[in-house]
Amino acid sequence: MPDKNFFELDCRLTKDMEIKVTKNGKTLASFGVCFNDSYQKDGQWIKKPNFWDCTAFGAAALLSFHKGELVHIEGALSLDTWERDGKKQSKTVLKVFKIESLGNGNHSSGGNSSPGPQGSPTPRSSPPQAPRPQPAYASPPGSDTIPF
């Protein structure tokens, strides 16, 4: 079986997307995300926040999201390595290939944060509004049937 390197997360941005252009002219965006893990200890639920640095590429780097926004991201894990003062350093980074808004968030930063049209990628001035998935048991619109 071949190796598989893929993740998808629903999380909140911890900082605005920072846009960079490489020497080759490619656009990438750096940002941070956080999501909570929950576990039970001594009968009480504990939430443990997980903070990750992300780099978006391609079409995902051309979208604009802000600190506090709830997003769905998909991508791959990557180990960045470098040397500082003769010591090797490394950090796992989430390489993001797809990012979608999951609704209104905390638009605490400036800029245009109005939602874009459903289902279409929108340039940096306004993030897209992701369509909400319908549950598998949902009845068609206008139907008066009960799904059970």
Protein backbone atom coordinates (compact mmCIF):
# COMPACT_ATOMS: atom_id res chain seq x y z
CA MET A 1 0.00 0.00 0.00
CA PRO A 2 1.45 3.39 -0.96
CA ASP A 3 2.02 6.05 1.69
CA LYS A 4 -0.78 8.57 2.14
CA ASN A 5 -0.14 12.10 3.39
CA PHE A 6 -3.46 13.94 3.67
CA PHE A 7 -5.38 15.83 6.34
CA GLU A 8 -8.59 17.78 6.62
CA LEU A 9 -9.50 19.98 9.59
CA ASP A 10 -12.26 22.30 10.72
CA CYS A 11 -10.43 24.96 12.71
CA ARG A 12 -10.09 28.69 13.43
CA LEU A 13 -7.42 31.00 12.10
CA THR A 14 -5.13 32.33 14.83
CA LYS A 15 -3.80 35.12 12.62
CA ASP A 16 -4.59 36.79 9.31
CA MET A 17 -3.19 35.25 6.14
CA GLU A 18 0.19 36.78 5.27
CA ILE A 19 0.87 36.80 1.51
CA LYS A 20 4.33 36.16 0.07
CA VAL A 21 5.57 35.91 -3.51
CA THR A 22 8.49 33.54 -4.15
CA LYS A 23 11.48 34.34 -6.38
CA ASN A 24 9.77 32.20 -9.04
CA GLY A 25 6.66 34.43 -8.88
CA LYS A 26 4.46 31.88 -7.09
CA THR A 27 2.06 33.15 -4.43
CA LEU A 28 1.82 31.52 -1.03
CA ALA A 29 0.04 32.51 2.16
CA SER A 30 1.18 31.84 5.73
CA PHE A 31 -1.27 31.66 8.62
CA GLY A 32 -1.93 29.81 11.86
CA VAL A 33 -4.84 27.63 12.94
CA CYS A 34 -6.13 26.11 16.17
CA PHE A 35 -8.52 23.28 16.96
CA ASN A 36 -9.40 21.55 20.23
CA ASP A 37 -8.89 17.94 21.20
CA SER A 38 -11.23 16.77 23.93
CA TYR A 39 -10.58 13.98 26.39
CA GLN A 40 -11.99 12.85 29.69
CA LYS A 41 -9.93 12.96 32.88
CA ASP A 42 -11.35 12.10 36.31
CA GLY A 43 -14.89 12.32 34.91
CA GLN A 44 -14.45 15.82 33.46
CA TRP A 45 -13.99 16.76 29.84
CA ILE A 46 -10.77 18.60 29.12
CA LYS A 47 -10.19 20.65 25.96
CA LYS A 48 -6.61 20.77 24.73
CA PRO A 49 -5.90 23.39 22.05
CA ASN A 50 -3.64 22.44 19.13
CA PHE A 51 -1.85 25.25 17.29
CA TRP A 52 -0.38 24.70 13.81
CA ASP A 53 1.45 26.87 11.31
CA CYS A 54 0.12 26.61 7.76
CA THR A 55 1.28 27.52 4.27
CA ALA A 56 -1.28 27.73 1.47
CA PHE A 57 -0.39 27.22 -2.19
CA GLY A 58 -2.10 27.72 -5.54
CA ALA A 59 -5.70 28.91 -5.52
CA ALA A 60 -5.84 28.60 -1.71
CA ALA A 61 -3.16 31.32 -1.42
CA LEU A 62 -5.30 33.74 -3.43
CA LEU A 63 -8.15 33.78 -0.90
CA SER A 64 -8.43 36.07 2.10
CA PHE A 65 -9.38 34.86 5.57
CA HIS A 66 -8.90 36.60 8.89
CA LYS A 67 -8.08 35.79 12.49
CA GLY A 68 -10.97 34.05 14.26
CA GLU A 69 -12.69 32.74 11.11
CA LEU A 70 -13.90 29.13 11.14
CA VAL A 71 -12.51 27.33 8.09
CA HIS A 72 -12.19 23.87 6.59
CA ILE A 73 -8.68 23.13 5.30
CA GLU A 74 -7.23 20.20 3.36
CA GLY A 75 -3.62 19.46 2.60
CA ALA A 76 -0.54 17.46 3.55
CA LEU A 77 1.94 17.41 6.43
CA SER A 78 5.44 18.68 5.71
CA LEU A 79 8.60 18.78 7.78
CA ASP A 80 10.47 22.06 7.33
CA THR A 81 14.15 21.88 8.30
CA TRP A 82 16.84 24.55 8.66
CA GLU A 83 20.05 25.25 10.50
CA ARG A 84 20.48 27.99 13.09
CA ASP A 85 23.74 28.68 14.91
CA GLY A 86 25.07 25.31 13.75
CA LYS A 87 22.08 23.40 15.16
CA LYS A 88 19.57 21.59 12.99
CA GLN A 89 15.99 22.76 13.54
CA SER A 90 12.71 21.30 12.28
CA LYS A 91 9.00 21.98 12.48
CA THR A 92 5.92 20.22 11.10
CA VAL A 93 3.85 22.56 8.93
CA LEU A 94 0.43 22.02 7.37
CA LYS A 95 0.69 22.55 3.60
CA VAL A 96 -2.80 23.71 2.60
CA PHE A 97 -4.18 23.07 -0.89
CA LYS A 98 -7.84 23.88 -0.19
CA ILE A 99 -9.47 26.31 2.25
CA GLU A 100 -13.17 27.12 2.65
CA SER A 101 -15.16 29.28 5.03
CA LEU A 102 -17.47 27.43 7.43
CA GLY A 103 -19.44 30.53 8.32
CA ASN A 104 -19.03 33.76 10.15
CA GLY A 105 -16.13 33.99 12.50
CA ASN A 106 -14.62 36.65 14.64
CA HIS A 107 -13.65 39.25 12.04
CA SER A 108 -11.34 41.02 14.47
CA SER A 109 -8.96 42.31 11.80
CA GLY A 110 -9.51 45.00 9.23
CA GLY A 111 -10.24 44.39 5.57
CA ASN A 112 -13.21 43.17 3.65
CA SER A 113 -14.61 40.10 5.36
CA SER A 114 -17.98 39.84 3.64
CA PRO A 115 -18.77 36.35 2.35
CA GLY A 116 -18.46 35.64 -1.37
CA PRO A 117 -20.85 33.71 -3.58
CA GLN A 118 -21.51 30.11 -2.62
CA GLY A 119 -19.22 27.46 -4.03
CA SER A 120 -16.99 29.73 -6.13
CA PRO A 121 -13.39 30.72 -5.39
CA THR A 122 -13.21 34.44 -4.72
CA PRO A 123 -10.17 36.72 -5.06
CA ARG A 124 -8.48 38.01 -1.90
CA SER A 125 -11.00 40.82 -1.34
CA SER A 126 -13.75 38.46 -0.06
CA PRO A 127 -13.63 34.83 1.18
CA PRO A 128 -16.04 32.23 -0.24
CA GLN A 129 -19.02 30.97 1.71
CA ALA A 130 -18.92 27.17 1.72
CA PRO A 131 -22.24 25.43 1.08
CA ARG A 132 -23.60 23.53 4.06
CA PRO A 133 -23.77 19.78 3.46
CA GLN A 134 -27.20 18.19 3.80
CA PRO A 135 -27.53 15.23 6.17
CA ALA A 136 -27.94 11.89 4.42
CA TYR A 137 -31.44 11.48 5.86
CA ALA A 138 -32.75 14.93 4.85
CA SER A 139 -35.97 15.11 2.85
CA PRO A 140 -36.09 17.12 -0.38
CA PRO A 141 -37.09 20.78 0.05
CA GLY A 142 -40.87 21.16 0.27
CA SER A 143 -41.39 17.54 1.32
CA ASP A 144 -43.55 16.91 4.38
CA THR A 145 -42.25 13.39 4.95
CA ILE A 146 -40.57 12.35 8.17
CA PRO A 147 -37.15 10.72 7.58
CA PHE A 148 -37.74 7.84 10.04
